[in-house]
């Protein structure tokens, strides 16, 4: 079982992911928000790569059952119902709703990896659940860090390292690329206090300046969710409790 980490989305093109198993991480805050929304009963999340496409897609869906959420440079986009704070995506707001979702980094990384045979979303909030599912699949996989404006981000890489360490608790036959080994090393060095680490990253500091300290606290919580968001038919849904084999995922995508 070989694991590779891509530190930013610009390292590989869309076709690189064809047929692969991929995990996308954007701790601050898209991954955490996606987990929160599906945990709180959202029907599905439609990740998009541009604001314009978000508006276009939402126009073809049922208005009362569809919300548009997301941000640009940490701020909620004018005309959107929701921003990118996981605390906004409460059960009374998102239950049974489809959410069109755009963010500066996270949704772009998801869309880029759309040709993956199996595509999953990970945050600190659900890291053990994702690790268990990946160990069950027993496939080589890529971890795509969303990064920040196509640059390296400490928080995503540390989350990737912690995910690998969680899998190492379950499986012993892992083969790590150099980038995967570096992610584990960074996680062990800087991941002891997740809240402190997040607060001291470049993105974390920007969020603090904009009043999102509660978001950072939420995003720093380990394993508060047992769900695994997975990508199927161009939307993110809740992985069934019994999981899916990679073969099942391919069949579902084909259908």
Protein backbone atom coordinates (compact mmCIF):
# COMPACT_ATOMS: atom_id res chain seq x y z
CA UNK A 1 0.00 0.00 0.00
CA UNK A 2 1.87 3.05 -1.28
CA UNK A 3 0.99 6.56 -0.12
CA UNK A 4 2.01 9.76 -1.86
CA UNK A 5 1.34 13.35 -0.79
CA UNK A 6 0.90 16.23 -3.23
CA UNK A 7 1.63 19.43 -1.33
CA UNK A 8 -0.25 21.73 -3.75
CA UNK A 9 -2.77 21.24 -6.59
CA UNK A 10 -0.33 22.52 -9.22
CA UNK A 11 1.97 19.50 -8.87
CA UNK A 12 -0.26 17.25 -11.01
CA UNK A 13 -2.83 17.78 -13.75
CA UNK A 14 -6.41 16.46 -13.77
CA UNK A 15 -5.61 13.28 -15.70
CA UNK A 16 -2.94 12.29 -13.18
CA UNK A 17 -5.74 11.15 -10.85
CA UNK A 18 -7.47 8.90 -13.38
CA UNK A 19 -8.21 5.54 -11.77
CA UNK A 20 -6.46 6.47 -8.51
CA UNK A 21 -7.74 6.57 -4.95
CA UNK A 22 -7.43 10.14 -3.68
CA UNK A 23 -7.95 12.00 -0.42
CA UNK A 24 -8.38 15.77 -0.54
CA UNK A 25 -7.48 17.82 2.54
CA UNK A 26 -8.29 21.49 3.15
CA UNK A 27 -8.35 21.84 6.92
CA UNK A 28 -9.03 25.62 6.91
CA UNK A 29 -11.81 25.27 6.11
CA UNK A 30 -13.45 23.46 3.18
CA UNK A 31 -12.84 19.88 4.37
CA UNK A 32 -14.05 20.70 7.87
CA UNK A 33 -17.15 22.45 6.50
CA UNK A 34 -17.99 19.56 4.17
CA UNK A 35 -17.76 17.10 7.05
CA UNK A 36 -19.94 19.34 9.24
CA UNK A 37 -22.58 19.83 6.54
CA UNK A 38 -22.96 16.13 5.76
CA UNK A 39 -22.82 15.26 9.46
CA UNK A 40 -25.75 17.63 9.97
CA UNK A 41 -27.91 16.08 7.29
CA UNK A 42 -27.10 17.85 4.04
CA UNK A 43 -28.31 15.76 1.11
CA UNK A 44 -25.22 16.42 -0.98
CA UNK A 45 -22.54 18.99 -1.69
CA UNK A 46 -21.70 20.07 -5.23
CA UNK A 47 -18.08 21.34 -5.29
CA UNK A 48 -17.37 23.82 -8.09
CA UNK A 49 -14.23 25.51 -9.35
CA UNK A 50 -15.55 29.03 -9.98
CA UNK A 51 -18.08 31.44 -8.50
CA UNK A 52 -19.71 31.83 -11.91
CA UNK A 53 -20.27 28.09 -12.21
CA UNK A 54 -21.73 28.00 -8.70
CA UNK A 55 -24.37 30.53 -9.71
CA UNK A 56 -25.02 28.74 -13.01
CA UNK A 57 -25.46 25.34 -11.39
CA UNK A 58 -27.73 26.67 -8.66
CA UNK A 59 -30.06 28.13 -11.28
CA UNK A 60 -30.88 24.64 -12.55
CA UNK A 61 -31.73 23.16 -9.16
CA UNK A 62 -34.77 23.40 -6.91
CA UNK A 63 -34.50 26.78 -5.21
CA UNK A 64 -36.04 25.89 -1.85
CA UNK A 65 -33.90 22.80 -1.47
CA UNK A 66 -30.63 24.33 -2.66
CA UNK A 67 -28.18 26.62 -0.90
CA UNK A 68 -25.07 28.31 -2.26
CA UNK A 69 -22.15 28.42 0.12
CA UNK A 70 -18.51 29.36 0.06
CA UNK A 71 -15.94 32.10 0.29
CA UNK A 72 -13.35 34.10 -1.52
CA UNK A 73 -10.27 35.03 0.53
CA UNK A 74 -12.04 33.95 3.76
CA UNK A 75 -15.09 36.22 3.21
CA UNK A 76 -18.59 35.05 2.32
CA UNK A 77 -19.38 35.87 -1.30
CA UNK A 78 -22.06 38.47 -1.90
CA UNK A 79 -25.35 36.79 -2.74
CA UNK A 80 -24.38 33.43 -1.23
CA UNK A 81 -26.55 32.06 1.57
CA UNK A 82 -23.58 30.67 3.52
CA UNK A 83 -19.87 31.28 3.86
CA UNK A 84 -17.17 28.71 4.57
CA UNK A 85 -17.54 28.49 8.34
CA UNK A 86 -18.39 24.95 9.50
CA UNK A 87 -20.36 26.56 12.32
CA UNK A 88 -22.87 27.96 9.81
CA UNK A 89 -23.79 24.53 8.48
CA UNK A 90 -26.09 23.51 11.31
CA UNK A 91 -28.79 20.86 11.05
CA UNK A 92 -31.64 23.37 10.95
CA UNK A 93 -29.97 25.16 8.03
CA UNK A 94 -28.66 22.32 5.84
CA UNK A 95 -30.72 19.19 6.58
CA UNK A 96 -32.00 17.59 3.35
CA UNK A 97 -30.55 20.45 1.28
CA UNK A 98 -28.23 20.34 -1.71
CA UNK A 99 -25.34 22.77 -1.29
CA UNK A 100 -23.46 24.34 -4.19
CA UNK A 101 -20.04 24.98 -2.70
CA UNK A 102 -17.12 27.13 -3.85
CA UNK A 103 -13.96 27.97 -1.92
CA UNK A 104 -10.69 29.62 -2.83
CA UNK A 105 -8.64 26.43 -2.45
CA UNK A 106 -10.59 23.37 -1.32
CA UNK A 107 -13.25 22.91 -3.97
CA UNK A 108 -10.74 23.60 -6.73
CA UNK A 109 -8.60 20.73 -5.41
CA UNK A 110 -11.65 18.44 -5.31
CA UNK A 111 -12.68 19.31 -8.86
CA UNK A 112 -9.12 18.74 -10.06
CA UNK A 113 -9.17 15.20 -8.65
CA UNK A 114 -12.61 14.38 -10.10
CA UNK A 115 -11.30 11.58 -12.35
CA UNK A 116 -10.21 9.54 -9.33
CA UNK A 117 -11.76 6.08 -9.03
CA UNK A 118 -12.36 6.83 -5.34
CA UNK A 119 -12.24 10.35 -3.93
CA UNK A 120 -12.63 11.12 -0.21
CA UNK A 121 -12.52 14.23 1.99
CA UNK A 122 -10.46 14.38 5.17
CA UNK A 123 -10.08 16.87 8.01
CA UNK A 124 -8.83 16.55 11.56
CA UNK A 125 -12.51 16.17 12.51
CA UNK A 126 -12.88 12.78 10.75
CA UNK A 127 -9.31 11.58 10.37
CA UNK A 128 -9.74 8.18 12.06
CA UNK A 129 -12.83 7.34 10.01
CA UNK A 130 -10.97 8.10 6.78
CA UNK A 131 -7.95 6.09 7.93
CA UNK A 132 -10.12 3.05 8.69
CA UNK A 133 -11.79 3.22 5.28
CA UNK A 134 -8.52 3.56 3.41
CA UNK A 135 -7.02 0.65 5.35
CA UNK A 136 -10.06 -1.42 4.42
CA UNK A 137 -9.70 -0.54 0.72
CA UNK A 138 -6.00 -1.50 0.86
CA UNK A 139 -5.19 0.47 -2.31
CA UNK A 140 -2.31 2.78 -3.10
CA UNK A 141 -3.55 6.34 -2.76
CA UNK A 142 -2.73 10.00 -3.21
CA UNK A 143 -3.27 12.73 -0.64
CA UNK A 144 -4.00 16.02 -2.39
CA UNK A 145 -3.39 18.98 -0.10
CA UNK A 146 -5.44 21.98 -1.20
CA UNK A 147 -2.71 24.37 -0.11
CA UNK A 148 -3.17 28.10 -0.17
CA UNK A 149 -3.30 29.96 -3.49
CA UNK A 150 -1.40 27.07 -5.10
CA UNK A 151 1.31 27.27 -2.45
CA UNK A 152 2.29 24.96 0.39
CA UNK A 153 0.17 25.05 3.55
CA UNK A 154 1.44 23.70 6.85
CA UNK A 155 -1.98 22.66 8.18
CA UNK A 156 -2.94 20.46 5.23
CA UNK A 157 0.44 18.73 5.19
CA UNK A 158 0.33 18.05 8.93
CA UNK A 159 -3.18 16.63 8.57
CA UNK A 160 -1.86 14.40 5.77
CA UNK A 161 0.94 13.21 8.05
CA UNK A 162 -1.45 12.49 10.89
CA UNK A 163 -3.72 10.54 8.52
CA UNK A 164 -0.77 8.39 7.47
CA UNK A 165 0.15 7.80 11.12
CA UNK A 166 -3.42 6.69 11.83
CA UNK A 167 -3.26 4.18 8.99
CA UNK A 168 0.10 2.91 10.30
CA UNK A 169 -1.72 1.92 13.51
CA UNK A 170 -3.88 -0.42 11.43
CA UNK A 171 -1.54 -1.61 8.68
CA UNK A 172 2.18 -2.31 8.77
CA UNK A 173 2.88 -2.83 5.07
CA UNK A 174 2.88 0.83 4.02
CA UNK A 175 5.28 2.26 1.47
CA UNK A 176 5.71 6.01 1.81
CA UNK A 177 6.97 8.41 -0.84
CA UNK A 178 9.44 11.10 0.19
CA UNK A 179 6.62 13.64 0.45
CA UNK A 180 4.60 11.25 2.62
CA UNK A 181 7.58 10.74 4.96
CA UNK A 182 8.05 14.51 5.16
CA UNK A 183 4.37 14.95 6.05
CA UNK A 184 4.64 12.45 8.89
CA UNK A 185 7.76 14.16 10.20
CA UNK A 186 6.07 17.57 10.15
CA UNK A 187 3.03 16.14 11.90
CA UNK A 188 5.15 14.69 14.69
CA UNK A 189 7.08 17.95 15.10
CA UNK A 190 4.26 20.49 14.88
CA UNK A 191 1.03 18.53 15.35
CA UNK A 192 1.05 18.03 19.11
CA UNK A 193 -1.28 21.00 19.69
CA UNK A 194 -3.47 21.26 16.63
CA UNK A 195 -5.17 24.49 17.70
CA UNK A 196 -1.83 26.18 18.37
CA UNK A 197 -0.46 24.98 15.04
CA UNK A 198 -3.52 26.16 13.11
CA UNK A 199 -3.43 29.55 14.83
CA UNK A 200 0.20 30.08 13.85
CA UNK A 201 -0.10 29.17 10.16
CA UNK A 202 -0.37 31.90 7.55
CA UNK A 203 -3.98 31.01 6.78
CA UNK A 204 -4.81 30.66 10.46
CA UNK A 205 -3.49 34.14 11.19
CA UNK A 206 -5.62 35.54 8.39
CA UNK A 207 -8.70 33.83 9.80
CA UNK A 208 -7.96 35.20 13.27
CA UNK A 209 -7.63 38.70 11.84
CA UNK A 210 -11.07 38.28 10.28
CA UNK A 211 -12.71 37.06 13.48
CA UNK A 212 -12.83 33.31 12.83
CA UNK A 213 -11.21 32.05 16.03
CA UNK A 214 -14.19 29.75 16.72
CA UNK A 215 -13.71 28.19 13.30
CA UNK A 216 -10.09 27.41 14.09
CA UNK A 217 -11.14 25.81 17.37
CA UNK A 218 -13.70 23.69 15.53
CA UNK A 219 -11.28 22.67 12.78
CA UNK A 220 -8.69 21.63 15.39
CA UNK A 221 -10.95 19.03 17.02
CA UNK A 222 -9.86 15.45 16.44
CA UNK A 223 -12.34 12.73 15.51
CA UNK A 224 -15.59 14.45 16.39
CA UNK A 225 -17.17 12.79 13.35
CA UNK A 226 -17.26 9.22 12.07
CA UNK A 227 -18.40 10.13 8.57
CA UNK A 228 -16.43 9.90 5.32
CA UNK A 229 -17.52 12.22 2.48
CA UNK A 230 -17.00 10.65 -0.93
CA UNK A 231 -17.33 11.98 -4.47
CA UNK A 232 -19.79 10.30 -6.81
CA UNK A 233 -21.64 11.65 -9.85
CA UNK A 234 -20.02 15.09 -9.42
CA UNK A 235 -21.34 15.50 -5.87
CA UNK A 236 -20.08 14.73 -2.37
CA UNK A 237 -22.21 12.38 -0.34
CA UNK A 238 -22.03 10.51 2.92
CA UNK A 239 -20.25 7.17 2.61
CA UNK A 240 -22.59 4.40 3.81
CA UNK A 241 -21.73 3.07 7.26
CA UNK A 242 -20.66 -0.27 5.80
CA UNK A 243 -18.35 1.55 3.38
CA UNK A 244 -17.81 0.81 -0.28
CA UNK A 245 -15.17 -1.21 -2.04
CA UNK A 246 -13.28 0.59 -4.76
CA UNK A 247 -15.08 -1.66 -7.26
CA UNK A 248 -18.42 -0.46 -5.90
CA UNK A 249 -17.31 3.13 -6.25
CA UNK A 250 -16.33 2.61 -9.89
CA UNK A 251 -19.67 0.94 -10.61
CA UNK A 252 -21.60 3.74 -8.93
CA UNK A 253 -19.70 6.43 -10.82
CA UNK A 254 -20.35 4.58 -14.08
CA UNK A 255 -24.06 4.57 -13.28
